[in-house]
N, C-alpha and C. Protein backbone atom coordinates (compact mmCIF):
# COMPACT_ATOMS: atom_id res chain seq x y z
N UNK A 1 0.85 -1.27 -0.15
CA UNK A 1 -0.05 0.07 -0.07
C UNK A 1 0.88 1.30 -0.09
N UNK A 2 2.11 1.20 0.61
CA UNK A 2 2.96 2.27 0.81
C UNK A 2 3.45 2.67 -0.80
N UNK A 3 3.56 1.72 -1.55
CA UNK A 3 3.92 2.12 -2.85
C UNK A 3 2.91 2.91 -3.74
N UNK A 4 1.70 2.35 -3.44
CA UNK A 4 0.59 3.16 -3.98
C UNK A 4 0.54 4.65 -3.73
N UNK A 5 0.62 4.80 -2.35
CA UNK A 5 0.59 6.21 -1.83
C UNK A 5 1.81 7.16 -2.56
N UNK A 6 3.14 6.52 -2.65
CA UNK A 6 4.09 7.01 -3.28
C UNK A 6 3.84 7.37 -4.69
N UNK A 7 3.35 6.40 -5.39
CA UNK A 7 3.12 6.54 -6.87
C UNK A 7 1.99 7.65 -7.10
N UNK A 8 0.98 7.75 -6.33
CA UNK A 8 0.03 8.74 -6.32
C UNK A 8 0.62 10.13 -6.01
N UNK A 9 1.23 10.26 -5.02
CA UNK A 9 1.94 11.66 -4.75
C UNK A 9 2.89 11.83 -5.91
N UNK A 10 3.62 11.08 -6.34
CA UNK A 10 4.43 11.38 -7.31
C UNK A 10 3.73 11.81 -8.62
N UNK A 11 2.76 11.08 -9.06
CA UNK A 11 2.08 11.29 -10.19
C UNK A 11 1.32 12.61 -9.99
N UNK A 12 0.72 12.98 -8.92
CA UNK A 12 0.02 14.29 -8.68
C UNK A 12 1.03 15.38 -8.80
N UNK A 13 2.25 15.23 -8.26
CA UNK A 13 3.07 16.37 -8.27
C UNK A 13 3.62 16.55 -9.56
N UNK A 14 3.83 15.50 -10.50
CA UNK A 14 4.27 15.61 -11.84
C UNK A 14 3.27 16.30 -12.63
N UNK A 15 2.00 16.11 -12.46
CA UNK A 15 0.93 16.62 -13.34
C UNK A 15 0.87 18.18 -13.16
N UNK A 16 0.91 18.38 -11.73
CA UNK A 16 0.87 19.99 -11.39
C UNK A 16 2.08 20.55 -11.89
N UNK A 17 3.28 19.93 -11.89
CA UNK A 17 4.44 20.68 -12.42
C UNK A 17 4.40 20.78 -14.00
N UNK A 18 3.75 19.57 -14.52
CA UNK A 18 3.45 19.80 -16.13
C UNK A 18 2.75 21.01 -16.37
N UNK A 19 1.61 21.29 -15.85
CA UNK A 19 0.86 22.22 -15.90
C UNK A 19 1.42 23.72 -15.89
N UNK A 20 2.22 23.77 -14.72
CA UNK A 20 3.04 24.97 -14.64
C UNK A 20 4.07 25.33 -15.52
N UNK A 21 4.73 24.05 -16.08
CA UNK A 21 5.65 24.29 -17.18
C UNK A 21 5.00 24.71 -18.26
N UNK A 22 3.94 24.24 -18.63
CA UNK A 22 3.27 24.65 -19.80
C UNK A 22 2.89 26.23 -19.77
N UNK A 23 2.36 26.52 -18.40
CA UNK A 23 2.03 27.90 -18.54
C UNK A 23 3.36 28.92 -18.53
N UNK A 24 4.57 28.51 -18.03
CA UNK A 24 5.50 29.26 -18.22
C UNK A 24 5.99 29.39 -19.48
N UNK A 25 6.11 28.24 -20.26
CA UNK A 25 6.52 28.14 -21.72
C UNK A 25 5.58 29.04 -22.54
N UNK A 26 4.40 29.14 -22.25
CA UNK A 26 3.14 29.90 -22.93
C UNK A 26 3.39 31.49 -22.63
N UNK A 27 3.56 31.87 -21.41
CA UNK A 27 3.58 32.98 -21.13
C UNK A 27 4.94 33.66 -20.79
N UNK A 28 5.87 32.85 -20.20
CA UNK A 28 7.11 33.40 -19.62
C UNK A 28 7.21 34.23 -18.47
N UNK A 29 6.04 33.85 -17.62
CA UNK A 29 5.82 34.35 -16.37
C UNK A 29 5.97 33.67 -15.26
N UNK A 30 7.23 33.67 -14.85
CA UNK A 30 7.75 33.02 -13.58
C UNK A 30 7.14 33.39 -12.49
N UNK A 31 6.93 34.76 -12.16
CA UNK A 31 6.46 35.30 -11.19
C UNK A 31 4.89 34.88 -10.96
N UNK A 32 4.24 34.61 -11.87
CA UNK A 32 2.84 34.05 -11.75
C UNK A 32 2.75 32.67 -10.97
N UNK A 33 3.88 31.95 -11.36
CA UNK A 33 3.97 30.42 -10.77
C UNK A 33 4.39 30.70 -9.25
N UNK A 34 5.27 31.65 -9.12
CA UNK A 34 5.89 31.68 -7.59
C UNK A 34 4.76 32.47 -6.74
N UNK A 35 3.87 33.14 -7.26
CA UNK A 35 2.73 33.89 -6.55
C UNK A 35 1.57 33.10 -7.02
N UNK A 36 1.40 31.92 -7.02
CA UNK A 36 0.13 31.18 -7.51
C UNK A 36 -1.05 31.43 -6.65
N UNK A 37 -1.00 31.93 -5.47
CA UNK A 37 -2.22 32.22 -4.65
C UNK A 37 -2.96 33.40 -5.07
N UNK A 38 -2.15 34.16 -5.91
CA UNK A 38 -2.82 35.44 -6.44
C UNK A 38 -3.61 35.21 -7.60
N UNK A 39 -4.48 35.89 -8.16
CA UNK A 39 -5.20 35.70 -9.23
C UNK A 39 -4.71 36.18 -10.51
N UNK A 40 -3.35 36.65 -10.59
CA UNK A 40 -2.61 37.01 -11.67
C UNK A 40 -2.13 35.86 -12.75
N UNK A 41 -2.55 34.65 -12.21
CA UNK A 41 -2.05 33.43 -13.17
C UNK A 41 -3.34 33.04 -13.91
N UNK A 42 -3.23 33.13 -15.23
CA UNK A 42 -4.36 32.91 -16.07
C UNK A 42 -3.99 31.60 -16.92
N UNK A 43 -4.55 30.35 -16.37
CA UNK A 43 -4.08 29.15 -17.10
C UNK A 43 -5.01 28.86 -18.13
N UNK A 44 -4.44 28.20 -19.29
CA UNK A 44 -5.40 27.88 -20.38
C UNK A 44 -6.40 26.68 -19.94
N UNK A 45 -7.34 26.36 -20.76
CA UNK A 45 -8.20 25.30 -20.36
C UNK A 45 -7.33 24.05 -20.17
N UNK A 46 -6.43 23.75 -21.01
CA UNK A 46 -5.72 22.29 -20.93
C UNK A 46 -4.83 22.50 -19.57
N UNK A 47 -4.21 23.50 -19.39
CA UNK A 47 -3.32 23.72 -18.33
C UNK A 47 -4.31 23.72 -16.93
N UNK A 48 -5.40 24.18 -16.87
CA UNK A 48 -6.41 24.16 -15.75
C UNK A 48 -6.79 22.68 -15.48
N UNK A 49 -7.05 21.89 -16.53
CA UNK A 49 -7.52 20.63 -16.36
C UNK A 49 -6.41 19.64 -15.96
N UNK A 50 -5.04 19.85 -16.39
CA UNK A 50 -4.02 19.17 -15.95
C UNK A 50 -3.86 19.40 -14.41
N UNK A 51 -3.76 20.58 -14.09
CA UNK A 51 -3.52 21.12 -12.72
C UNK A 51 -4.43 20.38 -11.84
N UNK A 52 -5.85 20.53 -12.16
CA UNK A 52 -7.01 19.91 -11.44
C UNK A 52 -6.88 18.41 -11.29
N UNK A 53 -6.46 17.78 -12.13
CA UNK A 53 -6.23 16.35 -12.28
C UNK A 53 -4.99 15.81 -11.27
N UNK A 54 -4.04 16.75 -11.37
CA UNK A 54 -2.95 16.58 -10.33
C UNK A 54 -3.42 16.95 -9.05
N UNK A 55 -3.96 17.89 -8.61
CA UNK A 55 -4.62 17.96 -7.25
C UNK A 55 -5.49 16.99 -7.02
N UNK A 56 -6.20 16.42 -7.78
CA UNK A 56 -7.26 15.34 -7.39
C UNK A 56 -6.30 14.07 -7.01
N UNK A 57 -5.27 13.87 -7.86
CA UNK A 57 -4.45 12.79 -7.49
C UNK A 57 -3.76 12.84 -6.21
N UNK A 58 -3.39 14.14 -5.90
CA UNK A 58 -2.72 14.37 -4.53
C UNK A 58 -3.61 14.15 -3.47
N UNK A 59 -4.94 14.64 -3.68
CA UNK A 59 -5.98 14.50 -2.64
C UNK A 59 -6.16 12.98 -2.19
N UNK A 60 -6.23 12.36 -3.51
CA UNK A 60 -6.45 10.79 -3.46
C UNK A 60 -5.47 9.98 -2.73
N UNK A 61 -4.28 10.51 -3.09
CA UNK A 61 -3.04 9.78 -2.21
C UNK A 61 -3.28 10.14 -0.73
N UNK A 62 -3.68 11.40 -0.40
CA UNK A 62 -3.76 11.45 1.17
C UNK A 62 -5.01 10.61 1.77
N UNK A 63 -6.00 10.47 0.99
CA UNK A 63 -7.13 9.71 1.38
C UNK A 63 -6.47 8.09 1.59
N UNK A 64 -5.90 7.78 0.58
CA UNK A 64 -5.31 6.42 0.70
C UNK A 64 -4.52 6.42 1.97
N UNK A 65 -3.84 7.14 2.20
CA UNK A 65 -2.87 7.37 3.37
C UNK A 65 -3.52 7.14 4.54
N UNK A 66 -4.71 8.02 4.62
CA UNK A 66 -5.50 8.12 5.86
C UNK A 66 -6.29 6.76 5.93
N UNK A 67 -6.85 6.19 4.96
CA UNK A 67 -7.45 4.90 5.14
C UNK A 67 -6.38 3.87 5.46
N UNK A 68 -5.33 3.83 5.01
CA UNK A 68 -4.20 2.92 5.40
C UNK A 68 -3.92 2.92 6.89
N UNK A 69 -3.75 4.09 7.35
CA UNK A 69 -3.45 4.33 8.87
C UNK A 69 -4.69 3.92 9.62
N UNK A 70 -5.87 4.24 9.31
CA UNK A 70 -7.09 4.05 10.02
C UNK A 70 -7.52 2.50 10.01
N UNK A 71 -7.30 1.81 8.98
CA UNK A 71 -7.62 0.46 8.91
C UNK A 71 -6.50 -0.51 9.15
N UNK A 72 -5.20 0.15 9.07
CA UNK A 72 -4.04 -0.85 9.37
C UNK A 72 -3.82 -1.77 8.18
N UNK A 73 -3.79 -1.28 7.00
CA UNK A 73 -3.79 -2.23 5.87
C UNK A 73 -2.06 -2.51 5.80
């Protein structure tokens, strides 16, 4: 089960980094990525979907970890 958690975390992080690298290549705006909590970052539809998929996979990894600890798998 530990390998699944690691794989999900890695996959989620890679997806988020891919979305941000596409944004940087498209706009050249490193500052937008460094200040991602501000609304200045305008992702394209594809970048947004990749980022959301990465965040979903990261959340799934946390849920798997929580279930693993809770049920002692």
